[in-house]
Protein backbone atom coordinates (compact mmCIF):
# COMPACT_ATOMS: atom_id res chain seq x y z
CA MET A 1 17.75 154.16 36.85
CA SER A 2 20.79 155.29 38.79
CA GLU A 3 22.23 158.73 38.39
CA ARG A 4 25.37 157.17 36.91
CA MET A 5 23.31 155.60 34.05
CA ARG A 6 21.70 158.87 33.25
CA THR A 7 24.83 161.00 33.12
CA ALA A 8 26.25 161.78 29.63
CA PRO A 9 29.44 163.78 28.78
CA ALA A 10 29.13 167.42 29.40
CA SER A 11 30.41 168.50 25.93
CA LEU A 12 30.73 167.32 22.30
CA ALA A 13 34.37 167.51 22.77
CA GLU A 14 34.15 165.04 25.79
CA ALA A 15 31.99 162.73 23.72
CA ARG A 16 34.35 162.64 20.78
CA ARG A 17 37.05 161.53 23.30
CA LEU A 18 35.07 158.26 24.03
CA THR A 19 36.94 155.53 22.14
CA LYS A 20 35.71 152.03 21.55
CA GLU A 21 37.82 150.95 24.56
CA ASP A 22 36.34 153.52 26.82
CA ILE A 23 32.78 152.31 25.83
CA TYR A 24 33.79 148.67 26.11
CA GLU A 25 35.23 149.13 29.66
CA ARG A 26 32.21 151.05 30.89
CA LEU A 27 29.68 148.61 29.53
CA ARG A 28 31.78 145.57 30.61
CA ARG A 29 31.84 147.04 34.18
CA GLU A 30 28.30 147.74 34.22
CA ILE A 31 27.39 144.26 33.01
CA VAL A 32 29.75 142.56 35.44
CA GLU A 33 28.34 144.54 38.39
CA GLY A 34 24.78 144.00 37.44
CA GLU A 35 23.88 147.48 36.64
CA LEU A 36 23.04 146.51 33.15
CA ARG A 37 20.91 143.29 33.79
CA PRO A 38 20.90 139.88 32.06
CA GLY A 39 18.38 140.18 29.13
CA GLN A 40 18.51 143.97 29.08
CA ARG A 41 18.48 145.30 25.54
CA LEU A 42 21.40 147.39 24.46
CA GLY A 43 20.29 149.32 21.32
CA GLU A 44 23.19 151.21 19.67
CA GLU A 45 21.27 154.51 19.62
CA TRP A 46 20.33 154.08 23.31
CA VAL A 47 23.88 153.32 24.48
CA ALA A 48 25.30 156.15 22.18
CA GLY A 49 22.76 158.71 23.69
CA ARG A 50 23.33 157.54 27.17
CA LEU A 51 27.15 157.84 26.95
CA GLY A 52 27.20 160.74 24.62
CA ALA A 53 29.14 158.89 22.01
CA SER A 54 28.85 158.16 18.35
CA ARG A 55 27.41 154.90 17.13
CA THR A 56 30.49 153.59 15.39
CA PRO A 57 32.64 153.07 18.53
CA VAL A 58 29.45 151.85 20.37
CA ARG A 59 28.95 149.16 17.72
CA GLU A 60 32.73 148.10 17.83
CA ALA A 61 32.46 147.86 21.66
CA LEU A 62 29.35 145.83 21.50
CA HIS A 63 31.12 143.34 19.06
CA LYS A 64 34.03 143.05 21.53
CA LEU A 65 31.55 142.37 24.34
CA GLU A 66 30.09 139.58 22.23
CA ALA A 67 33.41 138.07 21.75
CA ASP A 68 33.83 137.99 25.52
CA GLY A 69 30.43 136.34 25.83
CA LEU A 70 29.02 139.14 27.77
CA VAL A 71 26.62 140.41 25.04
CA VAL A 72 24.44 138.66 22.45
CA LEU A 73 23.98 140.26 19.00
CA ARG A 74 20.79 139.48 17.30
CA PRO A 75 20.42 140.07 13.51
CA HIS A 76 18.06 143.17 12.90
CA ARG A 77 17.24 143.30 16.48
CA GLY A 78 20.22 144.70 18.29
CA ALA A 79 22.25 143.55 21.19
CA LEU A 80 21.22 142.41 24.71
CA VAL A 81 23.22 141.64 27.83
CA ARG A 82 23.67 137.85 27.89
CA PRO A 83 21.11 136.14 29.99
CA PHE A 84 21.84 132.83 32.06
CA ASP A 85 19.19 130.20 32.56
CA LEU A 86 19.37 127.85 35.52
CA ASP A 87 20.79 124.96 33.60
CA GLU A 88 23.59 127.16 31.99
CA LEU A 89 24.49 128.52 35.45
CA ILE A 90 24.77 125.13 36.89
CA GLY A 91 26.79 124.11 33.92
CA ILE A 92 29.30 126.85 34.05
CA PHE A 93 29.98 126.20 37.80
CA ASP A 94 30.22 122.45 37.27
CA LEU A 95 32.95 123.20 34.46
CA ARG A 96 34.75 125.64 36.81
CA VAL A 97 34.89 123.00 39.56
CA ARG A 98 36.59 120.50 37.24
CA ILE A 99 38.81 123.14 35.44
CA GLU A 100 39.93 125.06 38.45
CA GLY A 101 40.34 121.90 40.68
CA TYR A 102 42.63 120.57 37.86
CA ALA A 103 44.53 123.80 37.99
CA ALA A 104 45.03 123.97 41.71
CA ARG A 105 46.34 120.48 41.68
CA ARG A 106 48.81 121.19 39.00
CA ALA A 107 49.79 124.62 40.72
CA ALA A 108 50.51 122.87 43.99
CA THR A 109 53.81 121.50 42.67
CA ARG A 110 54.64 124.07 40.14
CA LEU A 111 54.04 127.63 41.81
CA LEU A 112 57.32 129.49 42.70
CA PRO A 113 57.83 130.65 46.28
CA GLU A 114 57.28 134.31 45.15
CA GLN A 115 54.04 133.41 43.43
CA ILE A 116 52.75 131.83 46.74
CA ASP A 117 53.90 134.95 48.57
CA GLU A 118 51.73 137.12 46.22
CA LEU A 119 48.81 134.78 46.70
CA ALA A 120 49.18 135.08 50.43
CA SER A 121 49.51 138.85 50.11
CA ILE A 122 46.19 139.10 48.03
CA GLN A 123 44.50 136.99 50.60
CA GLN A 124 45.63 139.29 53.44
CA ARG A 125 44.31 142.36 51.51
CA GLN A 126 40.96 140.65 51.19
CA VAL A 127 40.89 140.01 54.89
CA LYS A 128 41.84 143.78 55.51
CA LEU A 129 38.84 144.71 53.39
CA LEU A 130 36.38 142.49 55.27
CA ASN A 131 37.67 143.95 58.57
CA THR A 132 36.52 147.42 57.29
CA PRO A 133 33.63 148.65 59.53
CA VAL A 134 30.29 147.77 57.84
CA THR A 135 27.80 150.30 56.39
CA ASP A 136 24.88 149.75 54.00
CA LYS A 137 26.72 151.70 51.27
CA HIS A 138 29.85 149.42 51.74
CA GLU A 139 27.66 146.37 51.11
CA GLU A 140 25.90 147.76 47.91
CA PRO A 141 26.58 146.07 44.45
CA GLY A 142 29.09 148.36 42.64
CA SER A 143 30.57 149.70 46.00
CA ASP A 144 34.24 150.22 46.06
CA ALA A 145 34.54 147.42 48.64
CA ILE A 146 32.68 144.79 46.54
CA ARG A 147 34.47 145.96 43.46
CA SER A 148 37.98 145.55 45.18
CA LEU A 149 36.95 142.04 46.55
CA VAL A 150 35.99 140.88 43.12
CA GLU A 151 39.29 142.33 41.56
CA LEU A 152 41.46 140.66 44.17
CA ASN A 153 39.74 137.40 43.84
CA GLN A 154 40.09 137.49 40.09
CA ARG A 155 43.94 138.07 40.63
CA PHE A 156 44.11 135.26 43.14
CA HIS A 157 42.41 132.83 40.71
CA ARG A 158 44.50 133.94 37.78
CA LEU A 159 47.67 133.34 39.55
CA ILE A 160 46.63 129.80 40.20
CA HIS A 161 45.58 129.35 36.58
CA ILE A 162 49.11 130.68 35.41
CA GLY A 163 50.80 128.62 38.13
CA SER A 164 49.19 125.42 36.76
CA GLY A 165 51.56 125.56 33.80
CA ASN A 166 48.77 124.87 31.37
CA ARG A 167 47.79 127.92 29.25
CA HIS A 168 44.68 126.26 28.00
CA VAL A 169 43.01 126.81 31.57
CA GLU A 170 42.82 130.48 31.09
CA VAL A 171 41.51 130.21 27.65
CA MET A 172 38.88 127.66 28.58
CA LEU A 173 37.60 129.71 31.61
CA SER A 174 37.53 133.05 29.62
CA ARG A 175 35.13 131.41 27.25
CA LEU A 176 32.73 130.56 30.00
CA ALA A 177 32.12 134.43 30.45
CA TYR A 178 31.39 133.70 34.17
CA LEU A 179 32.67 136.98 35.69
CA PRO A 180 29.17 138.48 36.21
CA LEU A 181 28.22 135.23 38.14
CA VAL A 182 31.36 135.57 40.37
CA TYR A 183 30.59 139.23 41.07
CA GLN A 184 26.97 138.41 41.90
CA ALA A 185 28.16 135.48 44.02
CA ILE A 186 30.46 137.58 46.10
CA TYR A 187 27.82 140.08 46.64
CA ALA A 188 25.17 137.31 47.44
CA HIS A 189 27.60 135.58 49.84
CA GLY A 190 27.14 138.39 52.58
CA ARG A 191 29.94 138.90 55.03
CA GLN A 192 29.72 135.44 56.66
CA GLY A 193 29.86 133.81 53.31
CA ARG A 194 32.78 136.07 52.20
CA TRP A 195 34.79 134.95 55.35
CA VAL A 196 34.13 131.18 54.29
CA SER A 197 35.53 132.08 50.86
CA LEU A 198 38.52 133.74 52.33
CA TYR A 199 39.16 130.73 54.58
CA HIS A 200 39.18 128.66 51.38
CA HIS A 201 41.84 131.03 49.96
CA GLU A 202 43.99 130.72 53.11
CA GLN A 203 43.82 126.86 52.88
CA LEU A 204 44.80 127.09 49.21
CA VAL A 205 47.93 129.03 50.14
CA HIS A 206 48.63 126.43 52.82
CA SER A 207 48.28 123.64 50.28
CA PHE A 208 50.69 125.34 47.85
CA ARG A 209 53.34 126.03 50.67
CA THR A 210 53.13 122.39 51.56
CA GLU A 211 52.90 121.23 47.89
CA ASP A 212 49.89 119.19 48.63
CA PRO A 213 48.02 118.60 45.34
CA GLU A 214 45.18 116.60 46.88
CA LEU A 215 44.37 119.26 49.43
CA ALA A 216 44.61 122.10 46.71
CA GLU A 217 42.21 120.34 44.47
CA ALA A 218 39.78 119.41 47.23
CA THR A 219 39.85 123.00 48.51
CA MET A 220 39.31 124.49 45.20
CA ARG A 221 36.30 122.33 44.43
CA THR A 222 34.75 123.11 47.77
CA HIS A 223 35.34 126.84 46.99
CA ILE A 224 33.68 126.84 43.64
CA TYR A 225 30.77 124.98 44.87
CA HIS A 226 30.42 127.53 47.68
CA GLY A 227 30.22 130.28 45.05
CA ARG A 228 27.75 128.26 43.13
CA GLN A 229 25.39 128.06 46.14
CA ALA A 230 25.48 131.97 46.39
CA ALA A 231 24.90 132.35 42.70
CA LEU A 232 21.95 130.03 42.66
CA ALA A 233 20.46 131.92 45.78
CA ARG A 234 20.83 135.18 43.75
CA PHE A 235 19.18 133.60 40.73
CA ALA A 236 16.28 132.42 42.88
CA GLU A 237 15.86 135.93 43.86
CA GLY A 238 15.09 136.76 40.28
CA ASP A 239 18.40 138.63 39.36
CA HIS A 240 18.33 136.86 36.02
CA GLN A 241 15.16 138.71 34.98
CA GLU A 242 15.33 141.30 32.02
CA GLY A 243 16.01 144.90 33.17
CA PRO A 244 14.44 147.97 31.79
CA GLY A 245 14.01 148.29 28.03
CA SER A 246 16.60 150.23 26.24
CA ASP A 247 15.69 150.06 22.64
């Protein structure tokens, strides 16, 4: 268990300052980044003791995470990080291919010039991150570099969802609770795979500037399938297995 997972607030005063939102954000980040593993139990008492918080905001945070699809609450048995089996993983990416391909096609003729400029700016920031000299720490899950790439990736895709002009796109994708899979896919890509992913982003920006819906949809579908391959490779390595017990 990492040092960060063992660390609790230094005082009761600090513990009392931990709100439901504080606990929610902390647990959400650790689930997305894989520090809390799929299938790992999240007993209220264990979480409260680990974070130095009271059980009431912990319980509320777990309910909010359940609404996000990141946690499963079991009657009389407590919570656990949502596990993904192989069929579910494939199904999630297959749905993303269809929904995000549709969103990209619509966005190609609806995005405003300033929105396309923002997409290009995000893509260039990702390129700059990948051009940073490589160290082992730089490549670790939870590193600032990986976290920044994921955040920029989410911003890039969300702009396309918004640009599609169909508000149901974002709602449908949020219900898939796919963010942990995206994070693990970006990590599993390795640097070469990340460059391929950024090339897809560059092609998407080009398709939007030229208002080419066919190219936008085809590129997005290729992009999501590329992520699916990495996620499947990560799954095959056993990253779906239950983490340490926490009851």
